[in-house]
Amino acid sequence: MGIADDAVEVRAQGWRTLAALHGLLEAALERELTSAHDLSVVEYTVLDALSRQDGWHLRMSQLARAAALSSSATTRLVTRLEDRKLLKRILCEDDRRGIYTELTPAGSRLLAAARPTHDRVLEQALEQAVQTPELAPLVDALHRLPAPA
């Protein structure tokens, strides 16, 4: 194996480690958020992204990026959340083709109720993950990230 092959293997191993940590965290969050709040991880992610807009809203494409979903999956998700009265769609006044999404008061309340569960489960899952030698360096790196401003 040459140097270039070694570099590819290091990146591939890093990707596998990241995927393993993501899977562990997502499974723990999905289980708890669903059972305690009837909310999936991706639904939580969307509500959280909308809540961080400080009274503003997001275009559907921005929401798709925030939730790491395709545009069609985002549309289906927004429809489900809209049916539950957790968010609403708003037509852009300047461009009728533009559709924004905005958190409703019910969405804000559900997010506020779910956030402590999310944060507790995330912390517990990270504490569990750090016990796995392959995951520990990645968990340590996450803990060293600067706090948001």
C-alpha atoms as a PDB file:
ATOM      1  CA  MET A   1       0.000   0.000   0.000  1.00  0.00           C
ATOM      2  CA  GLY A   2       1.450   3.390  -0.979  1.00  0.00           C
ATOM      3  CA  ILE A   3       1.251   6.740   0.780  1.00  0.00           C
ATOM      4  CA  ALA A   4      -1.763   7.802  -1.282  1.00  0.00           C
ATOM      5  CA  ASP A   5      -3.532   4.545  -0.385  1.00  0.00           C
ATOM      6  CA  ASP A   6      -2.730   5.107   3.286  1.00  0.00           C
ATOM      7  CA  ALA A   7      -4.250   8.599   3.139  1.00  0.00           C
ATOM      8  CA  VAL A   8      -7.409   7.219   1.543  1.00  0.00           C
ATOM      9  CA  GLU A   9      -7.659   4.545   4.241  1.00  0.00           C
ATOM     10  CA  VAL A  10      -7.204   7.137   7.011  1.00  0.00           C
ATOM     11  CA  ARG A  11     -10.014   9.250   5.546  1.00  0.00           C
ATOM     12  CA  ALA A  12     -12.213   6.172   5.096  1.00  0.00           C
ATOM     13  CA  GLN A  13     -11.586   5.108   8.687  1.00  0.00           C
ATOM     14  CA  GLY A  14     -12.397   8.628   9.874  1.00  0.00           C
ATOM     15  CA  TRP A  15     -15.631   8.548   7.905  1.00  0.00           C
ATOM     16  CA  ARG A  16     -16.572   5.147   9.358  1.00  0.00           C
ATOM     17  CA  THR A  17     -15.883   6.428  12.869  1.00  0.00           C
ATOM     18  CA  LEU A  18     -17.982   9.534  12.278  1.00  0.00           C
ATOM     19  CA  ALA A  19     -20.815   7.409  10.864  1.00  0.00           C
ATOM     20  CA  ALA A  20     -20.651   5.071  13.869  1.00  0.00           C
ATOM     21  CA  LEU A  21     -20.856   7.971  16.324  1.00  0.00           C
ATOM     22  CA  HIS A  22     -23.682   9.572  14.364  1.00  0.00           C
ATOM     23  CA  GLY A  23     -25.614   6.303  14.320  1.00  0.00           C
ATOM     24  CA  LEU A  24     -25.194   5.815  18.064  1.00  0.00           C
ATOM     25  CA  LEU A  25     -26.329   9.374  18.837  1.00  0.00           C
ATOM     26  CA  GLU A  26     -29.221   9.354  16.388  1.00  0.00           C
ATOM     27  CA  ALA A  27     -30.581   6.018  17.643  1.00  0.00           C
ATOM     28  CA  ALA A  28     -30.549   7.190  21.270  1.00  0.00           C
ATOM     29  CA  LEU A  29     -32.166  10.522  20.391  1.00  0.00           C
ATOM     30  CA  GLU A  30     -34.777   8.927  18.118  1.00  0.00           C
ATOM     31  CA  ARG A  31     -35.823   6.467  20.804  1.00  0.00           C
ATOM     32  CA  GLU A  32     -36.224   9.078  23.554  1.00  0.00           C
ATOM     33  CA  LEU A  33     -37.672  11.953  21.509  1.00  0.00           C
ATOM     34  CA  THR A  34     -40.242   9.660  19.922  1.00  0.00           C
ATOM     35  CA  SER A  35     -41.340   8.031  23.151  1.00  0.00           C
ATOM     36  CA  ALA A  36     -41.372  11.198  25.275  1.00  0.00           C
ATOM     37  CA  HIS A  37     -42.542  13.811  22.755  1.00  0.00           C
ATOM     38  CA  ASP A  38     -43.811  11.999  19.629  1.00  0.00           C
ATOM     39  CA  LEU A  39     -41.064  13.785  17.718  1.00  0.00           C
ATOM     40  CA  SER A  40     -38.436  12.257  15.426  1.00  0.00           C
ATOM     41  CA  VAL A  41     -34.837  13.471  15.367  1.00  0.00           C
ATOM     42  CA  VAL A  42     -35.304  15.128  11.979  1.00  0.00           C
ATOM     43  CA  GLU A  43     -38.528  16.819  13.150  1.00  0.00           C
ATOM     44  CA  TYR A  44     -36.659  18.095  16.209  1.00  0.00           C
ATOM     45  CA  THR A  45     -33.849  19.337  13.935  1.00  0.00           C
ATOM     46  CA  VAL A  46     -36.325  21.284  11.789  1.00  0.00           C
ATOM     47  CA  LEU A  47     -38.085  22.859  14.774  1.00  0.00           C
ATOM     48  CA  ASP A  48     -34.722  23.721  16.316  1.00  0.00           C
ATOM     49  CA  ALA A  49     -33.444  25.300  13.077  1.00  0.00           C
ATOM     50  CA  LEU A  50     -36.601  27.403  12.806  1.00  0.00           C
ATOM     51  CA  SER A  51     -36.363  28.471  16.457  1.00  0.00           C
ATOM     52  CA  ARG A  52     -32.881  29.866  15.887  1.00  0.00           C
ATOM     53  CA  GLN A  53     -34.155  32.339  13.302  1.00  0.00           C
ATOM     54  CA  ASP A  54     -35.104  34.839  16.017  1.00  0.00           C
ATOM     55  CA  GLY A  55     -38.681  35.399  14.873  1.00  0.00           C
ATOM     56  CA  TRP A  56     -37.804  34.995  11.215  1.00  0.00           C
ATOM     57  CA  HIS A  57     -38.403  32.130   8.811  1.00  0.00           C
ATOM     58  CA  LEU A  58     -36.487  29.897   6.409  1.00  0.00           C
ATOM     59  CA  ARG A  59     -36.914  29.104   2.745  1.00  0.00           C
ATOM     60  CA  MET A  60     -37.668  25.460   2.080  1.00  0.00           C
ATOM     61  CA  SER A  61     -34.201  25.043   0.510  1.00  0.00           C
ATOM     62  CA  GLN A  62     -32.540  26.420   3.657  1.00  0.00           C
ATOM     63  CA  LEU A  63     -34.604  24.069   5.791  1.00  0.00           C
ATOM     64  CA  ALA A  64     -33.599  21.139   3.563  1.00  0.00           C
ATOM     65  CA  ARG A  65     -29.925  21.976   4.133  1.00  0.00           C
ATOM     66  CA  ALA A  66     -30.430  22.362   7.890  1.00  0.00           C
ATOM     67  CA  ALA A  67     -32.115  18.957   8.109  1.00  0.00           C
ATOM     68  CA  ALA A  68     -29.822  17.280   5.522  1.00  0.00           C
ATOM     69  CA  LEU A  69     -32.831  16.200   3.448  1.00  0.00           C
ATOM     70  CA  SER A  70     -33.736  16.263  -0.223  1.00  0.00           C
ATOM     71  CA  SER A  71     -36.239  18.874  -1.329  1.00  0.00           C
ATOM     72  CA  SER A  72     -38.985  16.255  -1.745  1.00  0.00           C
ATOM     73  CA  ALA A  73     -38.328  14.763   1.713  1.00  0.00           C
ATOM     74  CA  THR A  74     -38.366  18.273   3.176  1.00  0.00           C
ATOM     75  CA  THR A  75     -41.719  18.987   1.550  1.00  0.00           C
ATOM     76  CA  ARG A  76     -43.193  15.800   3.021  1.00  0.00           C
ATOM     77  CA  LEU A  77     -41.747  16.588   6.448  1.00  0.00           C
ATOM     78  CA  VAL A  78     -43.031  20.173   6.378  1.00  0.00           C
ATOM     79  CA  THR A  79     -46.476  18.890   5.400  1.00  0.00           C
ATOM     80  CA  ARG A  80     -46.495  16.504   8.380  1.00  0.00           C
ATOM     81  CA  LEU A  81     -45.367  19.240  10.770  1.00  0.00           C
ATOM     82  CA  GLU A  82     -47.863  21.686   9.287  1.00  0.00           C
ATOM     83  CA  ASP A  83     -50.664  19.116   9.738  1.00  0.00           C
ATOM     84  CA  ARG A  84     -49.639  18.902  13.406  1.00  0.00           C
ATOM     85  CA  LYS A  85     -49.757  22.740  13.600  1.00  0.00           C
ATOM     86  CA  LEU A  86     -46.061  22.895  14.571  1.00  0.00           C
ATOM     87  CA  LEU A  87     -45.020  25.110  11.683  1.00  0.00           C
ATOM     88  CA  LYS A  88     -46.638  27.059   8.903  1.00  0.00           C
ATOM     89  CA  ARG A  89     -45.782  27.909   5.326  1.00  0.00           C
ATOM     90  CA  ILE A  90     -45.707  31.500   4.167  1.00  0.00           C
ATOM     91  CA  LEU A  91     -45.641  32.644   0.555  1.00  0.00           C
ATOM     92  CA  CYS A  92     -42.909  35.135  -0.224  1.00  0.00           C
ATOM     93  CA  GLU A  93     -44.494  38.491  -1.063  1.00  0.00           C
ATOM     94  CA  ASP A  94     -41.682  39.434  -3.459  1.00  0.00           C
ATOM     95  CA  ASP A  95     -41.530  36.078  -5.240  1.00  0.00           C
ATOM     96  CA  ARG A  96     -44.707  34.000  -5.247  1.00  0.00           C
ATOM     97  CA  ARG A  97     -42.649  30.914  -6.067  1.00  0.00           C
ATOM     98  CA  GLY A  98     -40.786  31.284  -2.778  1.00  0.00           C
ATOM     99  CA  ILE A  99     -42.172  29.457   0.240  1.00  0.00           C
ATOM    100  CA  TYR A 100     -40.949  30.055   3.749  1.00  0.00           C
ATOM    101  CA  THR A 101     -41.520  28.019   6.878  1.00  0.00           C
ATOM    102  CA  GLU A 102     -42.026  29.452  10.320  1.00  0.00           C
ATOM    103  CA  LEU A 103     -42.409  27.932  13.767  1.00  0.00           C
ATOM    104  CA  THR A 104     -45.874  28.221  15.323  1.00  0.00           C
ATOM    105  CA  PRO A 105     -46.508  28.784  19.051  1.00  0.00           C
ATOM    106  CA  ALA A 106     -47.395  25.063  19.340  1.00  0.00           C
ATOM    107  CA  GLY A 107     -44.092  24.188  17.649  1.00  0.00           C
ATOM    108  CA  SER A 108     -42.219  26.449  20.055  1.00  0.00           C
ATOM    109  CA  ARG A 109     -43.912  24.807  23.047  1.00  0.00           C
ATOM    110  CA  LEU A 110     -43.141  21.289  21.829  1.00  0.00           C
ATOM    111  CA  LEU A 111     -39.537  22.226  21.106  1.00  0.00           C
ATOM    112  CA  ALA A 112     -39.181  23.779  24.579  1.00  0.00           C
ATOM    113  CA  ALA A 113     -40.535  20.581  26.134  1.00  0.00           C
ATOM    114  CA  ALA A 114     -38.302  18.342  23.984  1.00  0.00           C
ATOM    115  CA  ARG A 115     -35.043  20.313  24.278  1.00  0.00           C
ATOM    116  CA  PRO A 116     -34.161  19.094  27.811  1.00  0.00           C
ATOM    117  CA  THR A 117     -34.765  15.495  26.707  1.00  0.00           C
ATOM    118  CA  HIS A 118     -32.612  16.037  23.616  1.00  0.00           C
ATOM    119  CA  ASP A 119     -29.780  17.618  25.592  1.00  0.00           C
ATOM    120  CA  ARG A 120     -29.849  14.970  28.350  1.00  0.00           C
ATOM    121  CA  VAL A 121     -29.896  12.046  25.914  1.00  0.00           C
ATOM    122  CA  LEU A 122     -27.164  13.608  23.779  1.00  0.00           C
ATOM    123  CA  GLU A 123     -24.928  14.029  26.826  1.00  0.00           C
ATOM    124  CA  GLN A 124     -25.617  10.459  28.001  1.00  0.00           C
ATOM    125  CA  ALA A 125     -24.931   9.043  24.548  1.00  0.00           C
ATOM    126  CA  LEU A 126     -21.660  10.981  24.312  1.00  0.00           C
ATOM    127  CA  GLU A 127     -20.651   9.686  27.759  1.00  0.00           C
ATOM    128  CA  GLN A 128     -21.335   6.164  26.496  1.00  0.00           C
ATOM    129  CA  ALA A 129     -19.491   6.762  23.216  1.00  0.00           C
ATOM    130  CA  VAL A 130     -16.349   8.063  24.915  1.00  0.00           C
ATOM    131  CA  GLN A 131     -15.995   4.618  26.529  1.00  0.00           C
ATOM    132  CA  THR A 132     -15.452   3.115  23.062  1.00  0.00           C
ATOM    133  CA  PRO A 133     -11.759   3.563  22.164  1.00  0.00           C
ATOM    134  CA  GLU A 134     -12.457   4.164  18.460  1.00  0.00           C
ATOM    135  CA  LEU A 135     -15.040   6.868  19.227  1.00  0.00           C
ATOM    136  CA  ALA A 136     -13.295   8.580  22.154  1.00  0.00           C
ATOM    137  CA  PRO A 137     -11.052  10.915  20.063  1.00  0.00           C
ATOM    138  CA  LEU A 138     -14.045  12.129  18.063  1.00  0.00           C
ATOM    139  CA  VAL A 139     -16.127  12.723  21.214  1.00  0.00           C
ATOM    140  CA  ASP A 140     -13.181  14.598  22.734  1.00  0.00           C
ATOM    141  CA  ALA A 141     -12.955  16.744  19.593  1.00  0.00           C
ATOM    142  CA  LEU A 142     -16.684  17.559  19.869  1.00  0.00           C
ATOM    143  CA  HIS A 143     -16.206  18.678  23.463  1.00  0.00           C
ATOM    144  CA  ARG A 144     -13.386  21.010  22.364  1.00  0.00           C
ATOM    145  CA  LEU A 145     -15.518  22.849  19.803  1.00  0.00           C
ATOM    146  CA  PRO A 146     -16.103  26.487  20.781  1.00  0.00           C
ATOM    147  CA  ALA A 147     -19.494  27.371  22.214  1.00  0.00           C
ATOM    148  CA  PRO A 148     -21.806  29.263  19.837  1.00  0.00           C
ATOM    149  CA  ALA A 149     -21.639  33.009  20.170  1.00  0.00           C
END
